[in-house]
C-alpha cells in the first residue's frame, strides 16, 4: 500500500475535504488529489503538516517505523469506529 491511501484516510477521518486540506497546506486541490493517488510523492515537511492538520501524528510514526499500510488502516478504522 502506498502512503496516499493513508493520507486520504487521515484527511477523511478529520472531516476535511480536499479543498479544505489544500487551504491548510497552502496547496491546490489538484496537488492534494495527486498526493492521495500516489501520483506525487510528499516531502517530509508536507507529510508532517498533513498529520498535524489531521491530528494523526501516530500514523506517520507507525508508517516511518515500518508498520505496513494495511495495519495502519485497520488501526484507524478500529480507533475511530469505521
N, C-alpha and C. Protein backbone atom coordinates (compact mmCIF):
# COMPACT_ATOMS: atom_id res chain seq x y z
N UNK A 1 0.85 -1.18 0.00
CA UNK A 1 0.00 0.00 0.00
C UNK A 1 0.88 1.24 0.00
N UNK A 2 0.49 2.17 -0.78
CA UNK A 2 1.23 3.43 -0.86
C UNK A 2 0.74 4.37 0.24
N UNK A 3 1.49 5.41 0.48
CA UNK A 3 1.16 6.34 1.54
C UNK A 3 -0.06 7.21 1.22
N UNK A 4 -0.38 7.39 -0.06
CA UNK A 4 -1.51 8.24 -0.45
C UNK A 4 -2.83 7.80 0.16
N UNK A 5 -3.08 6.49 0.20
CA UNK A 5 -4.33 5.98 0.78
C UNK A 5 -4.40 6.29 2.27
N UNK A 6 -3.27 6.23 2.93
CA UNK A 6 -3.23 6.55 4.36
C UNK A 6 -3.48 8.04 4.57
N UNK A 7 -2.88 8.86 3.72
CA UNK A 7 -3.10 10.30 3.81
C UNK A 7 -4.59 10.62 3.61
N UNK A 8 -5.21 9.97 2.64
CA UNK A 8 -6.63 10.21 2.38
C UNK A 8 -7.47 9.79 3.58
N UNK A 9 -7.18 8.62 4.14
CA UNK A 9 -7.94 8.14 5.29
C UNK A 9 -7.83 9.10 6.47
N UNK A 10 -6.64 9.63 6.69
CA UNK A 10 -6.45 10.60 7.78
C UNK A 10 -7.24 11.88 7.51
N UNK A 11 -7.21 12.34 6.27
CA UNK A 11 -7.96 13.56 5.91
C UNK A 11 -9.45 13.34 6.11
N UNK A 12 -9.95 12.21 5.63
CA UNK A 12 -11.38 11.93 5.76
C UNK A 12 -11.78 11.74 7.22
N UNK A 13 -10.93 11.08 8.00
CA UNK A 13 -11.21 10.89 9.42
C UNK A 13 -11.31 12.24 10.12
N UNK A 14 -10.52 13.21 9.67
CA UNK A 14 -10.55 14.55 10.26
C UNK A 14 -11.73 15.37 9.75
N UNK A 15 -12.47 14.82 8.78
CA UNK A 15 -13.65 15.51 8.26
C UNK A 15 -13.31 16.65 7.30
N UNK A 16 -12.17 16.55 6.65
CA UNK A 16 -11.74 17.62 5.74
C UNK A 16 -11.92 17.20 4.29
N UNK A 17 -12.35 18.13 3.46
CA UNK A 17 -12.40 17.90 2.02
C UNK A 17 -11.01 18.14 1.46
N UNK A 18 -10.80 17.75 0.22
CA UNK A 18 -9.52 18.03 -0.42
C UNK A 18 -9.28 19.53 -0.50
N UNK A 19 -10.32 20.30 -0.75
CA UNK A 19 -10.19 21.75 -0.84
C UNK A 19 -9.78 22.35 0.51
N UNK A 20 -10.38 21.85 1.59
CA UNK A 20 -10.03 22.35 2.92
C UNK A 20 -8.59 21.99 3.28
N UNK A 21 -8.20 20.77 2.93
CA UNK A 21 -6.83 20.35 3.19
C UNK A 21 -5.85 21.21 2.41
N UNK A 22 -6.19 21.48 1.16
CA UNK A 22 -5.34 22.33 0.32
C UNK A 22 -5.15 23.70 0.96
N UNK A 23 -6.21 24.26 1.50
CA UNK A 23 -6.12 25.57 2.15
C UNK A 23 -5.21 25.52 3.37
N UNK A 24 -5.33 24.47 4.16
CA UNK A 24 -4.47 24.33 5.35
C UNK A 24 -3.00 24.22 4.98
N UNK A 25 -2.71 23.54 3.87
CA UNK A 25 -1.32 23.29 3.49
C UNK A 25 -0.79 24.27 2.45
N UNK A 26 -1.62 25.25 2.06
CA UNK A 26 -1.24 26.24 1.05
C UNK A 26 -0.85 25.56 -0.27
N UNK A 27 -1.68 24.61 -0.66
CA UNK A 27 -1.51 23.87 -1.91
C UNK A 27 -2.81 23.97 -2.69
N UNK A 28 -2.84 23.39 -3.88
CA UNK A 28 -4.06 23.34 -4.66
C UNK A 28 -4.79 22.03 -4.39
N UNK A 29 -6.08 22.01 -4.72
CA UNK A 29 -6.85 20.77 -4.58
C UNK A 29 -6.26 19.70 -5.48
N UNK A 30 -5.77 20.10 -6.64
CA UNK A 30 -5.15 19.17 -7.57
C UNK A 30 -3.91 18.51 -6.95
N UNK A 31 -3.13 19.29 -6.24
CA UNK A 31 -1.94 18.76 -5.57
C UNK A 31 -2.34 17.72 -4.52
N UNK A 32 -3.38 18.02 -3.75
CA UNK A 32 -3.85 17.09 -2.72
C UNK A 32 -4.32 15.79 -3.37
N UNK A 33 -5.05 15.91 -4.46
CA UNK A 33 -5.52 14.73 -5.18
C UNK A 33 -4.34 13.88 -5.67
N UNK A 34 -3.33 14.52 -6.22
CA UNK A 34 -2.16 13.79 -6.72
C UNK A 34 -1.43 13.07 -5.59
N UNK A 35 -1.34 13.72 -4.43
CA UNK A 35 -0.70 13.08 -3.28
C UNK A 35 -1.49 11.84 -2.84
N UNK A 36 -2.80 11.97 -2.77
CA UNK A 36 -3.64 10.86 -2.31
C UNK A 36 -3.69 9.71 -3.31
N UNK A 37 -3.44 10.00 -4.57
CA UNK A 37 -3.45 8.95 -5.59
C UNK A 37 -2.05 8.42 -5.89
N UNK A 38 -1.08 8.85 -5.10
CA UNK A 38 0.31 8.45 -5.27
C UNK A 38 0.88 8.84 -6.63
N UNK A 39 0.35 9.91 -7.21
CA UNK A 39 0.91 10.45 -8.45
C UNK A 39 2.00 11.47 -8.15
N UNK A 40 2.09 11.84 -6.88
CA UNK A 40 3.09 12.79 -6.41
C UNK A 40 3.55 12.31 -5.04
N UNK A 41 4.84 12.36 -4.80
CA UNK A 41 5.40 11.90 -3.53
C UNK A 41 5.54 13.09 -2.58
N UNK A 42 4.96 12.99 -1.39
CA UNK A 42 5.06 14.12 -0.45
C UNK A 42 6.46 14.21 0.14
N UNK A 43 6.92 15.43 0.35
CA UNK A 43 8.18 15.60 1.07
C UNK A 43 7.89 15.54 2.57
N UNK A 44 8.92 15.46 3.36
CA UNK A 44 8.74 15.30 4.80
C UNK A 44 7.98 16.47 5.44
N UNK A 45 8.29 17.73 5.11
CA UNK A 45 7.51 18.82 5.71
C UNK A 45 6.01 18.74 5.37
N UNK A 46 5.69 18.33 4.15
CA UNK A 46 4.28 18.19 3.76
C UNK A 46 3.62 17.07 4.55
N UNK A 47 4.31 15.93 4.67
CA UNK A 47 3.74 14.81 5.44
C UNK A 47 3.51 15.22 6.89
N UNK A 48 4.48 15.91 7.47
CA UNK A 48 4.35 16.31 8.87
C UNK A 48 3.20 17.29 9.05
N UNK A 49 3.08 18.26 8.13
CA UNK A 49 1.98 19.22 8.21
C UNK A 49 0.64 18.52 8.04
N UNK A 50 0.58 17.57 7.11
CA UNK A 50 -0.66 16.81 6.86
C UNK A 50 -1.11 16.12 8.14
N UNK A 51 -0.17 15.46 8.80
CA UNK A 51 -0.51 14.71 10.01
C UNK A 51 -0.87 15.63 11.17
N UNK A 52 -0.25 16.80 11.22
CA UNK A 52 -0.61 17.78 12.24
C UNK A 52 -2.04 18.28 12.03
N UNK A 53 -2.35 18.64 10.79
CA UNK A 53 -3.68 19.17 10.46
C UNK A 53 -4.77 18.13 10.75
N UNK A 54 -4.47 16.87 10.47
CA UNK A 54 -5.47 15.82 10.64
C UNK A 54 -5.43 15.18 12.02
N UNK A 55 -4.48 15.59 12.85
CA UNK A 55 -4.38 15.02 14.19
C UNK A 55 -3.96 13.56 14.17
N UNK A 56 -3.10 13.20 13.23
CA UNK A 56 -2.73 11.80 13.05
C UNK A 56 -1.22 11.59 13.11
N UNK A 57 -0.57 12.24 14.05
CA UNK A 57 0.89 12.08 14.15
C UNK A 57 1.29 10.63 14.37
N UNK A 58 0.46 9.89 15.11
CA UNK A 58 0.79 8.49 15.39
C UNK A 58 0.82 7.64 14.12
N UNK A 59 0.04 8.04 13.13
CA UNK A 59 0.02 7.32 11.85
C UNK A 59 1.35 7.48 11.13
N UNK A 60 1.86 8.70 11.11
CA UNK A 60 3.16 8.95 10.46
C UNK A 60 4.26 8.18 11.17
N UNK A 61 4.24 8.20 12.49
CA UNK A 61 5.27 7.48 13.26
C UNK A 61 5.20 5.99 12.96
N UNK A 62 4.01 5.42 12.95
CA UNK A 62 3.85 3.99 12.65
C UNK A 62 4.37 3.67 11.26
N UNK A 63 4.05 4.52 10.29
CA UNK A 63 4.50 4.30 8.92
C UNK A 63 6.02 4.38 8.82
N UNK A 64 6.60 5.39 9.45
CA UNK A 64 8.05 5.57 9.40
C UNK A 64 8.80 4.45 10.11
N UNK A 65 8.17 3.85 11.11
CA UNK A 65 8.79 2.74 11.82
C UNK A 65 8.56 1.40 11.14
N UNK A 66 7.94 1.43 9.98
CA UNK A 66 7.82 0.22 9.18
C UNK A 66 6.53 -0.55 9.31
N UNK A 67 5.56 -0.02 10.02
CA UNK A 67 4.27 -0.70 10.10
C UNK A 67 3.64 -0.67 8.71
N UNK A 68 3.11 -1.79 8.27
CA UNK A 68 2.56 -1.83 6.92
C UNK A 68 1.25 -1.04 6.83
N UNK A 69 0.96 -0.59 5.64
CA UNK A 69 -0.21 0.26 5.40
C UNK A 69 -1.52 -0.37 5.80
N UNK A 70 -1.68 -1.67 5.57
CA UNK A 70 -2.92 -2.35 5.92
C UNK A 70 -3.15 -2.31 7.43
N UNK A 71 -2.11 -2.54 8.21
CA UNK A 71 -2.23 -2.49 9.67
C UNK A 71 -2.60 -1.09 10.14
N UNK A 72 -2.00 -0.10 9.52
CA UNK A 72 -2.32 1.29 9.88
C UNK A 72 -3.79 1.58 9.58
N UNK A 73 -4.26 1.17 8.41
CA UNK A 73 -5.66 1.42 8.03
C UNK A 73 -6.60 0.70 8.99
N UNK A 74 -6.29 -0.53 9.35
CA UNK A 74 -7.14 -1.27 10.29
C UNK A 74 -7.17 -0.59 11.65
N UNK A 75 -6.04 -0.08 12.09
CA UNK A 75 -5.99 0.63 13.36
C UNK A 75 -6.82 1.90 13.31
N UNK A 76 -6.74 2.63 12.20
CA UNK A 76 -7.54 3.84 12.05
C UNK A 76 -9.03 3.51 12.13
N UNK A 77 -9.44 2.44 11.48
CA UNK A 77 -10.84 2.07 11.47
C UNK A 77 -11.32 1.62 12.85
N UNK A 78 -10.49 0.88 13.58
CA UNK A 78 -10.88 0.40 14.91
C UNK A 78 -10.98 1.56 15.89
N UNK A 79 -10.01 2.41 15.90
CA UNK A 79 -9.97 3.51 16.87
C UNK A 79 -11.09 4.50 16.63
N UNK A 80 -11.43 4.72 15.37
CA UNK A 80 -12.40 5.77 15.05
C UNK A 80 -13.72 5.22 14.56
N UNK A 81 -14.00 3.97 14.89
CA UNK A 81 -15.33 3.41 14.66
C UNK A 81 -15.74 3.27 13.21
N UNK A 82 -14.81 3.06 12.32
CA UNK A 82 -15.15 2.95 10.90
C UNK A 82 -15.48 1.63 10.48
